Amino acid sequence: MFSKLKNYIQTVITGLSFLPVMVLAQEDPYGLKGTGESAGLTSGESVPLPQLIGNYIQIFLSLLGVIFLVLMLYGGFKWMKARGNATEVDKAKEVIINAVIGLIIIAASYAITAFILSAVGG
């Protein structure tokens, strides 16, 4: 019983500790509005469609780059865990080679997308 009461009190205290931060969020003491304006993200302005599509494609390709990094780390870790076992080393090499091929495809698709969007968007 006391553990439930203790957890409840800790939850209330933790929730109240964020109250000053929520109040300060309305005043923008950190200059986030200025940062958004300098990045071209002002509210009320519409973003042209080619730029919006380009932003989404760039985010998607960035996520694919993160997946490449994870695959490279996985392949390297698998190679280290192989301990000289030839079949495990070959599997690790295959993962790394496929990740590099994927990176080449990602880079080519980014280049093609950038070219097309620059031609369309001006």
C-alpha atoms as a PDB file:
ATOM      1  CA  MET A   1       0.000   0.000   0.000  1.00  0.00           C
ATOM      2  CA  PHE A   2       2.738   2.422   0.916  1.00  0.00           C
ATOM      3  CA  SER A   3       4.646   1.662  -2.276  1.00  0.00           C
ATOM      4  CA  LYS A   4       1.619   2.686  -4.378  1.00  0.00           C
ATOM      5  CA  LEU A   5       1.256   5.898  -2.380  1.00  0.00           C
ATOM      6  CA  LYS A   6       4.979   6.561  -2.723  1.00  0.00           C
ATOM      7  CA  ASN A   7       4.798   6.045  -6.516  1.00  0.00           C
ATOM      8  CA  TYR A   8       1.791   8.349  -6.744  1.00  0.00           C
ATOM      9  CA  ILE A   9       3.570  11.104  -4.795  1.00  0.00           C
ATOM     10  CA  GLN A  10       6.684  10.753  -6.952  1.00  0.00           C
ATOM     11  CA  THR A  11       4.570  11.007 -10.106  1.00  0.00           C
ATOM     12  CA  VAL A  12       2.836  14.164  -8.871  1.00  0.00           C
ATOM     13  CA  ILE A  13       6.139  15.785  -7.865  1.00  0.00           C
ATOM     14  CA  THR A  14       7.698  14.907 -11.224  1.00  0.00           C
ATOM     15  CA  GLY A  15       4.701  16.325 -13.070  1.00  0.00           C
ATOM     16  CA  LEU A  16       4.817  19.548 -11.069  1.00  0.00           C
ATOM     17  CA  SER A  17       8.529  19.942 -11.748  1.00  0.00           C
ATOM     18  CA  PHE A  18       7.754  20.392 -15.470  1.00  0.00           C
ATOM     19  CA  LEU A  19       5.223  23.149 -14.815  1.00  0.00           C
ATOM     20  CA  PRO A  20       7.728  26.052 -15.020  1.00  0.00           C
ATOM     21  CA  VAL A  21       9.039  24.735 -18.320  1.00  0.00           C
ATOM     22  CA  MET A  22       5.518  24.615 -19.766  1.00  0.00           C
ATOM     23  CA  VAL A  23       4.881  28.201 -18.658  1.00  0.00           C
ATOM     24  CA  LEU A  24       8.136  29.402 -20.222  1.00  0.00           C
ATOM     25  CA  ALA A  25       7.284  27.690 -23.494  1.00  0.00           C
ATOM     26  CA  GLN A  26       4.829  30.465 -24.342  1.00  0.00           C
ATOM     27  CA  GLU A  27       7.420  33.219 -23.972  1.00  0.00           C
ATOM     28  CA  ASP A  28      10.091  31.638 -26.235  1.00  0.00           C
ATOM     29  CA  PRO A  29      13.078  32.374 -23.958  1.00  0.00           C
ATOM     30  CA  TYR A  30      15.383  30.194 -26.045  1.00  0.00           C
ATOM     31  CA  GLY A  31      14.883  31.997 -29.350  1.00  0.00           C
ATOM     32  CA  LEU A  32      13.257  29.103 -31.164  1.00  0.00           C
ATOM     33  CA  LYS A  33      11.005  31.414 -33.173  1.00  0.00           C
ATOM     34  CA  GLY A  34      14.031  33.264 -34.524  1.00  0.00           C
ATOM     35  CA  THR A  35      15.722  29.985 -35.352  1.00  0.00           C
ATOM     36  CA  GLY A  36      12.657  28.793 -37.240  1.00  0.00           C
ATOM     37  CA  GLU A  37      12.449  32.057 -39.160  1.00  0.00           C
ATOM     38  CA  SER A  38      16.117  31.902 -40.154  1.00  0.00           C
ATOM     39  CA  ALA A  39      15.555  28.324 -41.367  1.00  0.00           C
ATOM     40  CA  GLY A  40      12.633  29.485 -43.490  1.00  0.00           C
ATOM     41  CA  LEU A  41       9.991  27.816 -41.340  1.00  0.00           C
ATOM     42  CA  THR A  42       7.823  30.804 -40.523  1.00  0.00           C
ATOM     43  CA  SER A  43       4.199  30.173 -39.803  1.00  0.00           C
ATOM     44  CA  GLY A  44       1.664  31.507 -42.246  1.00  0.00           C
ATOM     45  CA  GLU A  45       3.827  31.083 -45.339  1.00  0.00           C
ATOM     46  CA  SER A  46       3.136  28.204 -47.669  1.00  0.00           C
ATOM     47  CA  VAL A  47       6.013  26.077 -48.892  1.00  0.00           C
ATOM     48  CA  PRO A  48       6.152  25.395 -52.650  1.00  0.00           C
ATOM     49  CA  LEU A  49       5.253  21.819 -53.567  1.00  0.00           C
ATOM     50  CA  PRO A  50       8.627  20.884 -55.154  1.00  0.00           C
ATOM     51  CA  GLN A  51      10.433  22.101 -52.041  1.00  0.00           C
ATOM     52  CA  LEU A  52       8.061  20.156 -49.797  1.00  0.00           C
ATOM     53  CA  ILE A  53       8.528  16.979 -51.840  1.00  0.00           C
ATOM     54  CA  GLY A  54      12.283  17.539 -51.800  1.00  0.00           C
ATOM     55  CA  ASN A  55      12.260  17.886 -48.023  1.00  0.00           C
ATOM     56  CA  TYR A  56      10.370  14.615 -47.614  1.00  0.00           C
ATOM     57  CA  ILE A  57      12.682  12.807 -50.009  1.00  0.00           C
ATOM     58  CA  GLN A  58      15.715  14.184 -48.198  1.00  0.00           C
ATOM     59  CA  ILE A  59      14.350  12.950 -44.860  1.00  0.00           C
ATOM     60  CA  PHE A  60      13.638   9.521 -46.356  1.00  0.00           C
ATOM     61  CA  LEU A  61      17.115   9.241 -47.860  1.00  0.00           C
ATOM     62  CA  SER A  62      18.663  10.342 -44.571  1.00  0.00           C
ATOM     63  CA  LEU A  63      16.838   7.531 -42.805  1.00  0.00           C
ATOM     64  CA  LEU A  64      18.178   5.118 -45.415  1.00  0.00           C
ATOM     65  CA  GLY A  65      21.664   6.426 -44.630  1.00  0.00           C
ATOM     66  CA  VAL A  66      21.116   5.623 -40.964  1.00  0.00           C
ATOM     67  CA  ILE A  67      20.016   2.123 -41.944  1.00  0.00           C
ATOM     68  CA  PHE A  68      23.261   1.800 -43.936  1.00  0.00           C
ATOM     69  CA  LEU A  69      25.258   2.768 -40.868  1.00  0.00           C
ATOM     70  CA  VAL A  70      23.425   0.203 -38.751  1.00  0.00           C
ATOM     71  CA  LEU A  71      24.032  -2.508 -41.366  1.00  0.00           C
ATOM     72  CA  MET A  72      27.734  -1.660 -41.507  1.00  0.00           C
ATOM     73  CA  LEU A  73      28.008  -1.879 -37.733  1.00  0.00           C
ATOM     74  CA  TYR A  74      26.086  -5.165 -37.764  1.00  0.00           C
ATOM     75  CA  GLY A  75      28.364  -6.616 -40.448  1.00  0.00           C
ATOM     76  CA  GLY A  76      31.491  -5.527 -38.591  1.00  0.00           C
ATOM     77  CA  PHE A  77      30.193  -6.924 -35.321  1.00  0.00           C
ATOM     78  CA  LYS A  78      29.293 -10.190 -37.036  1.00  0.00           C
ATOM     79  CA  TRP A  79      32.778 -10.361 -38.526  1.00  0.00           C
ATOM     80  CA  MET A  80      34.378  -9.813 -35.121  1.00  0.00           C
ATOM     81  CA  LYS A  81      32.188 -12.521 -33.580  1.00  0.00           C
ATOM     82  CA  ALA A  82      33.117 -14.990 -36.344  1.00  0.00           C
ATOM     83  CA  ARG A  83      36.436 -15.856 -34.631  1.00  0.00           C
ATOM     84  CA  GLY A  84      37.945 -17.140 -37.837  1.00  0.00           C
ATOM     85  CA  ASN A  85      34.966 -19.270 -38.877  1.00  0.00           C
ATOM     86  CA  ALA A  86      34.993 -18.973 -42.678  1.00  0.00           C
ATOM     87  CA  THR A  87      31.248 -19.279 -43.194  1.00  0.00           C
ATOM     88  CA  GLU A  88      30.480 -16.607 -40.605  1.00  0.00           C
ATOM     89  CA  VAL A  89      33.119 -14.300 -42.107  1.00  0.00           C
ATOM     90  CA  ASP A  90      31.585 -14.800 -45.547  1.00  0.00           C
ATOM     91  CA  LYS A  91      28.134 -13.920 -44.185  1.00  0.00           C
ATOM     92  CA  ALA A  92      29.543 -10.787 -42.572  1.00  0.00           C
ATOM     93  CA  LYS A  93      31.281  -9.798 -45.812  1.00  0.00           C
ATOM     94  CA  GLU A  94      28.013 -10.327 -47.673  1.00  0.00           C
ATOM     95  CA  VAL A  95      26.184  -8.000 -45.268  1.00  0.00           C
ATOM     96  CA  ILE A  96      28.864  -5.324 -45.676  1.00  0.00           C
ATOM     97  CA  ILE A  97      28.961  -5.641 -49.474  1.00  0.00           C
ATOM     98  CA  ASN A  98      25.176  -5.432 -49.712  1.00  0.00           C
ATOM     99  CA  ALA A  99      25.192  -2.375 -47.425  1.00  0.00           C
ATOM    100  CA  VAL A 100      27.754  -0.647 -49.666  1.00  0.00           C
ATOM    101  CA  ILE A 101      25.691  -1.483 -52.765  1.00  0.00           C
ATOM    102  CA  GLY A 102      22.676  -0.015 -50.991  1.00  0.00           C
ATOM    103  CA  LEU A 103      24.651   3.131 -50.184  1.00  0.00           C
ATOM    104  CA  ILE A 104      25.600   3.512 -53.842  1.00  0.00           C
ATOM    105  CA  ILE A 105      21.930   3.184 -54.820  1.00  0.00           C
ATOM    106  CA  ILE A 106      20.958   5.743 -52.168  1.00  0.00           C
ATOM    107  CA  ALA A 107      23.601   8.215 -53.377  1.00  0.00           C
ATOM    108  CA  ALA A 108      22.514   7.773 -56.991  1.00  0.00           C
ATOM    109  CA  SER A 109      18.857   8.265 -56.113  1.00  0.00           C
ATOM    110  CA  TYR A 110      19.728  11.389 -54.135  1.00  0.00           C
ATOM    111  CA  ALA A 111      21.684  12.793 -57.071  1.00  0.00           C
ATOM    112  CA  ILE A 112      18.847  12.056 -59.504  1.00  0.00           C
ATOM    113  CA  THR A 113      16.265  13.546 -57.144  1.00  0.00           C
ATOM    114  CA  ALA A 114      18.337  16.677 -56.557  1.00  0.00           C
ATOM    115  CA  PHE A 115      18.789  17.121 -60.306  1.00  0.00           C
ATOM    116  CA  ILE A 116      15.096  16.671 -61.074  1.00  0.00           C
ATOM    117  CA  LEU A 117      13.925  18.950 -58.279  1.00  0.00           C
ATOM    118  CA  SER A 118      16.399  21.664 -59.227  1.00  0.00           C
ATOM    119  CA  ALA A 119      15.145  21.484 -62.826  1.00  0.00           C
ATOM    120  CA  VAL A 120      11.482  21.585 -61.768  1.00  0.00           C
ATOM    121  CA  GLY A 121      11.798  24.015 -58.873  1.00  0.00           C
ATOM    122  CA  GLY A 122      14.063  26.489 -60.566  1.00  0.00           C
END
